[in-house]
Amino acid sequence: AVNAVAGGGSLLSFPALLAVGYPALTANVTNTVALTPGYFG
């Protein structure tokens, strides 16, 4: 939702991936793949 309006949504999803235990690099690439449908929406 935030990305659709202006941007900055990764500041929510990327830290969430870190919080559940993913390493930073894995969290970043996973975040990119996971948020792609959001940009399409």
All heavy atoms as atom14 arrays in JSON, in Angstrom:
{
  "sequence": "AVNAVAGGGSLLSFPALLAVGYPALTANVTNTVALTPGYFG",
  "atom14_mask": [
    [1, 1, 1, 1, 1, 0, 0, 0, 0, 0, 0, 0, 0, 0],
    [1, 1, 1, 1, 1, 1, 1, 0, 0, 0, 0, 0, 0, 0],
    [1, 1, 1, 1, 1, 1, 1, 1, 0, 0, 0, 0, 0, 0],
    [1, 1, 1, 1, 1, 0, 0, 0, 0, 0, 0, 0, 0, 0],
    [1, 1, 1, 1, 1, 1, 1, 0, 0, 0, 0, 0, 0, 0],
    [1, 1, 1, 1, 1, 0, 0, 0, 0, 0, 0, 0, 0, 0],
    [1, 1, 1, 1, 0, 0, 0, 0, 0, 0, 0, 0, 0, 0],
    [1, 1, 1, 1, 0, 0, 0, 0, 0, 0, 0, 0, 0, 0],
    [1, 1, 1, 1, 0, 0, 0, 0, 0, 0, 0, 0, 0, 0],
    [1, 1, 1, 1, 1, 1, 0, 0, 0, 0, 0, 0, 0, 0],
    [1, 1, 1, 1, 1, 1, 1, 1, 0, 0, 0, 0, 0, 0],
    [1, 1, 1, 1, 1, 1, 1, 1, 0, 0, 0, 0, 0, 0],
    [1, 1, 1, 1, 1, 1, 0, 0, 0, 0, 0, 0, 0, 0],
    [1, 1, 1, 1, 1, 1, 1, 1, 1, 1, 1, 0, 0, 0],
    [1, 1, 1, 1, 1, 1, 1, 0, 0, 0, 0, 0, 0, 0],
    [1, 1, 1, 1, 1, 0, 0, 0, 0, 0, 0, 0, 0, 0],
    [1, 1, 1, 1, 1, 1, 1, 1, 0, 0, 0, 0, 0, 0],
    [1, 1, 1, 1, 1, 1, 1, 1, 0, 0, 0, 0, 0, 0],
    [1, 1, 1, 1, 1, 0, 0, 0, 0, 0, 0, 0, 0, 0],
    [1, 1, 1, 1, 1, 1, 1, 0, 0, 0, 0, 0, 0, 0],
    [1, 1, 1, 1, 0, 0, 0, 0, 0, 0, 0, 0, 0, 0],
    [1, 1, 1, 1, 1, 1, 1, 1, 1, 1, 1, 1, 0, 0],
    [1, 1, 1, 1, 1, 1, 1, 0, 0, 0, 0, 0, 0, 0],
    [1, 1, 1, 1, 1, 0, 0, 0, 0, 0, 0, 0, 0, 0],
    [1, 1, 1, 1, 1, 1, 1, 1, 0, 0, 0, 0, 0, 0],
    [1, 1, 1, 1, 1, 1, 1, 0, 0, 0, 0, 0, 0, 0],
    [1, 1, 1, 1, 1, 0, 0, 0, 0, 0, 0, 0, 0, 0],
    [1, 1, 1, 1, 1, 1, 1, 1, 0, 0, 0, 0, 0, 0],
    [1, 1, 1, 1, 1, 1, 1, 0, 0, 0, 0, 0, 0, 0],
    [1, 1, 1, 1, 1, 1, 1, 0, 0, 0, 0, 0, 0, 0],
    [1, 1, 1, 1, 1, 1, 1, 1, 0, 0, 0, 0, 0, 0],
    [1, 1, 1, 1, 1, 1, 1, 0, 0, 0, 0, 0, 0, 0],
    [1, 1, 1, 1, 1, 1, 1, 0, 0, 0, 0, 0, 0, 0],
    [1, 1, 1, 1, 1, 0, 0, 0, 0, 0, 0, 0, 0, 0],
    [1, 1, 1, 1, 1, 1, 1, 1, 0, 0, 0, 0, 0, 0],
    [1, 1, 1, 1, 1, 1, 1, 0, 0, 0, 0, 0, 0, 0],
    [1, 1, 1, 1, 1, 1, 1, 0, 0, 0, 0, 0, 0, 0],
    [1, 1, 1, 1, 0, 0, 0, 0, 0, 0, 0, 0, 0, 0],
    [1, 1, 1, 1, 1, 1, 1, 1, 1, 1, 1, 1, 0, 0],
    [1, 1, 1, 1, 1, 1, 1, 1, 1, 1, 1, 0, 0, 0],
    [1, 1, 1, 1, 0, 0, 0, 0, 0, 0, 0, 0, 0, 0]
  ],
  "atom14_positions": [
    [[0.82, -1.21, 0.0], [0.0, 0.0, 0.0], [0.86, 1.26, 0.0], [0.61, 2.2, -0.76], [-0.93, -0.01, 1.21], [0.0, 0.0, 0.0], [0.0, 0.0, 0.0], [0.0, 0.0, 0.0], [0.0, 0.0, 0.0], [0.0, 0.0, 0.0], [0.0, 0.0, 0.0], [0.0, 0.0, 0.0], [0.0, 0.0, 0.0], [0.0, 0.0, 0.0]],
    [[1.88, 1.28, 0.85], [2.75, 2.46, 0.94], [3.49, 2.69, -0.37], [3.62, 3.82, -0.85], [3.74, 2.3, 2.11], [4.81, 3.4, 2.08], [3.0, 2.35, 3.44], [0.0, 0.0, 0.0], [0.0, 0.0, 0.0], [0.0, 0.0, 0.0], [0.0, 0.0, 0.0], [0.0, 0.0, 0.0], [0.0, 0.0, 0.0], [0.0, 0.0, 0.0]],
    [[3.98, 1.61, -0.99], [4.68, 1.75, -2.26], [3.77, 2.27, -3.36], [4.19, 3.03, -4.24], [5.28, 0.4, -2.69], [6.55, 0.07, -1.94], [7.24, 0.95, -1.44], [6.88, -1.2, -1.85], [0.0, 0.0, 0.0], [0.0, 0.0, 0.0], [0.0, 0.0, 0.0], [0.0, 0.0, 0.0], [0.0, 0.0, 0.0], [0.0, 0.0, 0.0]],
    [[2.5, 1.88, -3.33], [1.57, 2.34, -4.36], [1.3, 3.83, -4.23], [1.12, 4.53, -5.24], [0.25, 1.57, -4.25], [0.0, 0.0, 0.0], [0.0, 0.0, 0.0], [0.0, 0.0, 0.0], [0.0, 0.0, 0.0], [0.0, 0.0, 0.0], [0.0, 0.0, 0.0], [0.0, 0.0, 0.0], [0.0, 0.0, 0.0], [0.0, 0.0, 0.0]],
    [[1.31, 4.34, -3.01], [0.99, 5.75, -2.8], [2.2, 6.65, -3.03], [2.11, 7.64, -3.73], [0.41, 5.97, -1.39], [0.23, 7.45, -1.1], [-0.9, 5.24, -1.27], [0.0, 0.0, 0.0], [0.0, 0.0, 0.0], [0.0, 0.0, 0.0], [0.0, 0.0, 0.0], [0.0, 0.0, 0.0], [0.0, 0.0, 0.0], [0.0, 0.0, 0.0]],
    [[3.34, 6.3, -2.45], [4.5, 7.17, -2.6], [5.79, 6.38, -2.67], [6.6, 6.53, -3.56], [4.57, 8.19, -1.46], [0.0, 0.0, 0.0], [0.0, 0.0, 0.0], [0.0, 0.0, 0.0], [0.0, 0.0, 0.0], [0.0, 0.0, 0.0], [0.0, 0.0, 0.0], [0.0, 0.0, 0.0], [0.0, 0.0, 0.0], [0.0, 0.0, 0.0]],
    [[6.02, 5.49, -1.74], [7.26, 4.73, -1.66], [7.72, 4.62, -0.22], [7.23, 5.31, 0.67], [0.0, 0.0, 0.0], [0.0, 0.0, 0.0], [0.0, 0.0, 0.0], [0.0, 0.0, 0.0], [0.0, 0.0, 0.0], [0.0, 0.0, 0.0], [0.0, 0.0, 0.0], [0.0, 0.0, 0.0], [0.0, 0.0, 0.0], [0.0, 0.0, 0.0]],
    [[8.68, 3.75, 0.02], [9.2, 3.54, 1.36], [8.67, 2.29, 2.02], [8.95, 2.03, 3.19], [0.0, 0.0, 0.0], [0.0, 0.0, 0.0], [0.0, 0.0, 0.0], [0.0, 0.0, 0.0], [0.0, 0.0, 0.0], [0.0, 0.0, 0.0], [0.0, 0.0, 0.0], [0.0, 0.0, 0.0], [0.0, 0.0, 0.0], [0.0, 0.0, 0.0]],
    [[7.89, 1.48, 1.28], [7.3, 0.28, 1.87], [8.31, -0.74, 2.32], [8.06, -1.5, 3.27], [0.0, 0.0, 0.0], [0.0, 0.0, 0.0], [0.0, 0.0, 0.0], [0.0, 0.0, 0.0], [0.0, 0.0, 0.0], [0.0, 0.0, 0.0], [0.0, 0.0, 0.0], [0.0, 0.0, 0.0], [0.0, 0.0, 0.0], [0.0, 0.0, 0.0]],
    [[9.48, -0.78, 1.69], [10.5, -1.74, 2.1], [11.02, -1.48, 3.51], [11.61, -2.36, 4.13], [11.68, -1.73, 1.11], [11.32, -2.35, -0.09], [0.0, 0.0, 0.0], [0.0, 0.0, 0.0], [0.0, 0.0, 0.0], [0.0, 0.0, 0.0], [0.0, 0.0, 0.0], [0.0, 0.0, 0.0], [0.0, 0.0, 0.0], [0.0, 0.0, 0.0]],
    [[10.81, -0.24, 4.01], [11.19, 0.03, 5.4], [10.29, -0.7, 6.38], [10.58, -0.75, 7.58], [11.15, 1.54, 5.67], [12.33, 2.33, 5.13], [12.11, 3.82, 5.33], [13.62, 1.89, 5.8], [0.0, 0.0, 0.0], [0.0, 0.0, 0.0], [0.0, 0.0, 0.0], [0.0, 0.0, 0.0], [0.0, 0.0, 0.0], [0.0, 0.0, 0.0]],
    [[9.2, -1.27, 5.9], [8.33, -2.12, 6.72], [8.63, -3.6, 6.5], [8.77, -4.37, 7.45], [6.86, -1.83, 6.41], [6.36, -0.43, 6.76], [5.0, -0.19, 6.12], [6.27, -0.26, 8.26], [0.0, 0.0, 0.0], [0.0, 0.0, 0.0], [0.0, 0.0, 0.0], [0.0, 0.0, 0.0], [0.0, 0.0, 0.0], [0.0, 0.0, 0.0]],
    [[8.73, -4.01, 5.24], [8.86, -5.43, 4.93], [10.28, -5.96, 5.14], [10.46, -7.09, 5.62], [8.41, -5.7, 3.48], [9.08, -4.84, 2.58], [0.0, 0.0, 0.0], [0.0, 0.0, 0.0], [0.0, 0.0, 0.0], [0.0, 0.0, 0.0], [0.0, 0.0, 0.0], [0.0, 0.0, 0.0], [0.0, 0.0, 0.0], [0.0, 0.0, 0.0]],
    [[11.3, -5.17, 4.8], [12.68, -5.63, 4.98], [13.01, -5.85, 6.46], [13.53, -6.91, 6.82], [13.65, -4.64, 4.33], [15.1, -4.98, 4.52], [15.67, -6.04, 3.84], [15.89, -4.24, 5.37], [17.02, -6.36, 4.01], [17.23, -4.54, 5.55], [17.8, -5.61, 4.87], [0.0, 0.0, 0.0], [0.0, 0.0, 0.0], [0.0, 0.0, 0.0]],
    [[12.72, -4.9, 7.35], [12.97, -5.17, 8.77], [12.15, -6.35, 9.31], [12.6, -7.04, 10.23], [12.56, -3.86, 9.46], [12.71, -2.82, 8.41], [12.31, -3.49, 7.14], [0.0, 0.0, 0.0], [0.0, 0.0, 0.0], [0.0, 0.0, 0.0], [0.0, 0.0, 0.0], [0.0, 0.0, 0.0], [0.0, 0.0, 0.0], [0.0, 0.0, 0.0]],
    [[10.95, -6.58, 8.77], [10.16, -7.72, 9.22], [10.88, -9.03, 8.89], [10.88, -9.97, 9.7], [8.78, -7.69, 8.57], [0.0, 0.0, 0.0], [0.0, 0.0, 0.0], [0.0, 0.0, 0.0], [0.0, 0.0, 0.0], [0.0, 0.0, 0.0], [0.0, 0.0, 0.0], [0.0, 0.0, 0.0], [0.0, 0.0, 0.0], [0.0, 0.0, 0.0]],
    [[11.49, -9.1, 7.73], [12.27, -10.29, 7.36], [13.48, -10.46, 8.27], [13.83, -11.58, 8.66], [12.7, -10.2, 5.9], [11.58, -10.45, 4.87], [11.97, -9.89, 3.51], [11.28, -11.94, 4.77], [0.0, 0.0, 0.0], [0.0, 0.0, 0.0], [0.0, 0.0, 0.0], [0.0, 0.0, 0.0], [0.0, 0.0, 0.0], [0.0, 0.0, 0.0]],
    [[14.13, -9.34, 8.61], [15.25, -9.42, 9.56], [14.76, -9.9, 10.93], [15.43, -10.68, 11.6], [15.92, -8.05, 9.7], [16.61, -7.46, 8.47], [17.15, -6.07, 8.8], [17.74, -8.37, 8.0], [0.0, 0.0, 0.0], [0.0, 0.0, 0.0], [0.0, 0.0, 0.0], [0.0, 0.0, 0.0], [0.0, 0.0, 0.0], [0.0, 0.0, 0.0]],
    [[13.58, -9.43, 11.33], [13.06, -9.74, 12.67], [12.77, -11.23, 12.84], [12.87, -11.75, 13.96], [11.8, -8.92, 12.94], [0.0, 0.0, 0.0], [0.0, 0.0, 0.0], [0.0, 0.0, 0.0], [0.0, 0.0, 0.0], [0.0, 0.0, 0.0], [0.0, 0.0, 0.0], [0.0, 0.0, 0.0], [0.0, 0.0, 0.0], [0.0, 0.0, 0.0]],
    [[12.38, -11.9, 11.75], [12.08, -13.33, 11.88], [13.31, -14.2, 11.68], [13.21, -15.43, 11.73], [10.96, -13.75, 10.9], [9.7, -12.95, 11.17], [11.4, -13.63, 9.44], [0.0, 0.0, 0.0], [0.0, 0.0, 0.0], [0.0, 0.0, 0.0], [0.0, 0.0, 0.0], [0.0, 0.0, 0.0], [0.0, 0.0, 0.0], [0.0, 0.0, 0.0]],
    [[14.47, -13.58, 11.46], [15.71, -14.35, 11.48], [16.46, -14.5, 10.18], [17.46, -15.22, 10.13], [0.0, 0.0, 0.0], [0.0, 0.0, 0.0], [0.0, 0.0, 0.0], [0.0, 0.0, 0.0], [0.0, 0.0, 0.0], [0.0, 0.0, 0.0], [0.0, 0.0, 0.0], [0.0, 0.0, 0.0], [0.0, 0.0, 0.0], [0.0, 0.0, 0.0]],
    [[16.03, -13.82, 9.11], [16.75, -13.95, 7.84], [17.99, -13.07, 7.84], [17.96, -11.93, 8.32], [15.86, -13.56, 6.66], [14.79, -14.57, 6.36], [13.47, -14.36, 6.76], [15.09, -15.75, 5.69], [12.48, -15.29, 6.5], [14.1, -16.69, 5.42], [12.8, -16.45, 5.83], [11.82, -17.38, 5.57], [0.0, 0.0, 0.0], [0.0, 0.0, 0.0]],
    [[19.12, -13.56, 7.29], [20.3, -12.7, 7.11], [19.97, -11.53, 6.2], [19.05, -11.61, 5.37], [21.34, -13.64, 6.46], [20.85, -15.02, 6.73], [19.35, -14.93, 6.81], [0.0, 0.0, 0.0], [0.0, 0.0, 0.0], [0.0, 0.0, 0.0], [0.0, 0.0, 0.0], [0.0, 0.0, 0.0], [0.0, 0.0, 0.0], [0.0, 0.0, 0.0]],
    [[20.73, -10.44, 6.3], [20.41, -9.21, 5.58], [20.34, -9.42, 4.07], [19.41, -8.93, 3.41], [21.43, -8.12, 5.92], [0.0, 0.0, 0.0], [0.0, 0.0, 0.0], [0.0, 0.0, 0.0], [0.0, 0.0, 0.0], [0.0, 0.0, 0.0], [0.0, 0.0, 0.0], [0.0, 0.0, 0.0], [0.0, 0.0, 0.0], [0.0, 0.0, 0.0]],
    [[21.31, -10.12, 3.49], [21.32, -10.3, 2.04], [20.15, -11.14, 1.58], [19.48, -10.82, 0.59], [22.64, -10.93, 1.6], [22.9, -10.99, 0.09], [22.8, -9.61, -0.53], [24.25, -11.62, -0.21], [0.0, 0.0, 0.0], [0.0, 0.0, 0.0], [0.0, 0.0, 0.0], [0.0, 0.0, 0.0], [0.0, 0.0, 0.0], [0.0, 0.0, 0.0]],
    [[19.87, -12.23, 2.29], [18.72, -13.07, 1.96], [17.42, -12.29, 2.12], [16.5, -12.4, 1.3], [18.68, -14.32, 2.85], [19.9, -15.06, 2.67], [17.5, -15.22, 2.5], [0.0, 0.0, 0.0], [0.0, 0.0, 0.0], [0.0, 0.0, 0.0], [0.0, 0.0, 0.0], [0.0, 0.0, 0.0], [0.0, 0.0, 0.0], [0.0, 0.0, 0.0]],
    [[17.35, -11.49, 3.19], [16.14, -10.68, 3.41], [15.93, -9.69, 2.28], [14.81, -9.46, 1.83], [16.25, -9.93, 4.74], [0.0, 0.0, 0.0], [0.0, 0.0, 0.0], [0.0, 0.0, 0.0], [0.0, 0.0, 0.0], [0.0, 0.0, 0.0], [0.0, 0.0, 0.0], [0.0, 0.0, 0.0], [0.0, 0.0, 0.0], [0.0, 0.0, 0.0]],
    [[17.02, -9.11, 1.77], [16.89, -8.11, 0.71], [16.39, -8.73, -0.59], [15.46, -8.2, -1.22], [18.25, -7.44, 0.48], [18.16, -6.28, -0.5], [17.36, -5.36, -0.31], [18.95, -6.32, -1.55], [0.0, 0.0, 0.0], [0.0, 0.0, 0.0], [0.0, 0.0, 0.0], [0.0, 0.0, 0.0], [0.0, 0.0, 0.0], [0.0, 0.0, 0.0]],
    [[16.99, -9.85, -1.02], [16.56, -10.45, -2.28], [15.16, -11.03, -2.16], [14.35, -10.97, -3.09], [17.57, -11.51, -2.77], [18.93, -10.87, -3.03], [17.72, -12.67, -1.78], [0.0, 0.0, 0.0], [0.0, 0.0, 0.0], [0.0, 0.0, 0.0], [0.0, 0.0, 0.0], [0.0, 0.0, 0.0], [0.0, 0.0, 0.0], [0.0, 0.0, 0.0]],
    [[14.84, -11.6, -0.98], [13.49, -12.13, -0.76], [12.46, -11.01, -0.77], [11.37, -11.15, -1.34], [13.44, -12.89, 0.58], [14.37, -13.98, 0.53], [12.05, -13.43, 0.86], [0.0, 0.0, 0.0], [0.0, 0.0, 0.0], [0.0, 0.0, 0.0], [0.0, 0.0, 0.0], [0.0, 0.0, 0.0], [0.0, 0.0, 0.0], [0.0, 0.0, 0.0]],
    [[12.8, -9.9, -0.15], [11.91, -8.74, -0.13], [11.63, -8.24, -1.54], [10.49, -7.9, -1.88], [12.55, -7.63, 0.71], [11.65, -6.43, 0.88], [10.59, -6.52, 1.48], [12.08, -5.3, 0.34], [0.0, 0.0, 0.0], [0.0, 0.0, 0.0], [0.0, 0.0, 0.0], [0.0, 0.0, 0.0], [0.0, 0.0, 0.0], [0.0, 0.0, 0.0]],
    [[12.65, -8.16, -2.37], [12.48, -7.7, -3.75], [11.51, -8.6, -4.52], [10.59, -8.12, -5.2], [13.84, -7.66, -4.48], [14.69, -6.72, -3.82], [13.68, -7.27, -5.93], [0.0, 0.0, 0.0], [0.0, 0.0, 0.0], [0.0, 0.0, 0.0], [0.0, 0.0, 0.0], [0.0, 0.0, 0.0], [0.0, 0.0, 0.0], [0.0, 0.0, 0.0]],
    [[11.71, -9.91, -4.41], [10.84, -10.85, -5.12], [9.41, -10.77, -4.57], [8.44, -10.74, -5.33], [11.38, -12.29, -5.0], [10.42, -13.29, -5.65], [12.76, -12.39, -5.66], [0.0, 0.0, 0.0], [0.0, 0.0, 0.0], [0.0, 0.0, 0.0], [0.0, 0.0, 0.0], [0.0, 0.0, 0.0], [0.0, 0.0, 0.0], [0.0, 0.0, 0.0]],
    [[9.29, -10.7, -3.26], [7.97, -10.75, -2.63], [7.13, -9.51, -2.9], [5.9, -9.58, -2.99], [8.12, -10.94, -1.12], [0.0, 0.0, 0.0], [0.0, 0.0, 0.0], [0.0, 0.0, 0.0], [0.0, 0.0, 0.0], [0.0, 0.0, 0.0], [0.0, 0.0, 0.0], [0.0, 0.0, 0.0], [0.0, 0.0, 0.0], [0.0, 0.0, 0.0]],
    [[7.77, -8.33, -3.05], [7.02, -7.09, -3.24], [6.7, -6.79, -4.7], [5.94, -5.86, -4.98], [7.79, -5.91, -2.64], [7.91, -5.87, -1.12], [8.47, -4.53, -0.66], [6.59, -6.16, -0.42], [0.0, 0.0, 0.0], [0.0, 0.0, 0.0], [0.0, 0.0, 0.0], [0.0, 0.0, 0.0], [0.0, 0.0, 0.0], [0.0, 0.0, 0.0]],
    [[7.26, -7.55, -5.62], [6.99, -7.31, -7.04], [5.49, -7.34, -7.36], [4.99, -6.47, -8.09], [7.76, -8.3, -7.92], [9.17, -8.13, -7.69], [7.48, -8.06, -9.39], [0.0, 0.0, 0.0], [0.0, 0.0, 0.0], [0.0, 0.0, 0.0], [0.0, 0.0, 0.0], [0.0, 0.0, 0.0], [0.0, 0.0, 0.0], [0.0, 0.0, 0.0]],
    [[4.72, -8.31, -6.85], [3.27, -8.28, -7.12], [2.59, -7.02, -6.59], [1.59, -6.57, -7.16], [2.75, -9.53, -6.4], [3.92, -10.44, -6.32], [5.1, -9.55, -6.12], [0.0, 0.0, 0.0], [0.0, 0.0, 0.0], [0.0, 0.0, 0.0], [0.0, 0.0, 0.0], [0.0, 0.0, 0.0], [0.0, 0.0, 0.0], [0.0, 0.0, 0.0]],
    [[3.11, -6.44, -5.52], [2.54, -5.21, -4.99], [2.67, -4.06, -5.97], [1.74, -3.25, -6.13], [0.0, 0.0, 0.0], [0.0, 0.0, 0.0], [0.0, 0.0, 0.0], [0.0, 0.0, 0.0], [0.0, 0.0, 0.0], [0.0, 0.0, 0.0], [0.0, 0.0, 0.0], [0.0, 0.0, 0.0], [0.0, 0.0, 0.0], [0.0, 0.0, 0.0]],
    [[3.82, -3.96, -6.62], [4.0, -2.92, -7.64], [3.05, -3.15, -8.81], [2.52, -2.2, -9.4], [5.45, -2.9, -8.13], [6.42, -2.34, -7.13], [7.35, -3.16, -6.48], [6.44, -0.97, -6.84], [8.25, -2.64, -5.56], [7.34, -0.44, -5.93], [8.24, -1.29, -5.3], [9.12, -0.76, -4.39], [0.0, 0.0, 0.0], [0.0, 0.0, 0.0]],
    [[2.83, -4.41, -9.16], [1.89, -4.74, -10.23], [0.47, -4.31, -9.84], [-0.26, -3.74, -10.65], [1.94, -6.24, -10.52], [0.97, -6.67, -11.59], [1.16, -6.32, -12.91], [-0.15, -7.43, -11.26], [0.26, -6.71, -13.89], [-1.05, -7.83, -12.23], [-0.85, -7.46, -13.56], [0.0, 0.0, 0.0], [0.0, 0.0, 0.0], [0.0, 0.0, 0.0]],
    [[0.1, -4.58, -8.58], [-1.23, -4.17, -8.11], [-1.4, -2.67, -8.14], [-2.46, -2.16, -8.54], [0.0, 0.0, 0.0], [0.0, 0.0, 0.0], [0.0, 0.0, 0.0], [0.0, 0.0, 0.0], [0.0, 0.0, 0.0], [0.0, 0.0, 0.0], [0.0, 0.0, 0.0], [0.0, 0.0, 0.0], [0.0, 0.0, 0.0], [0.0, 0.0, 0.0]]
  ]
}
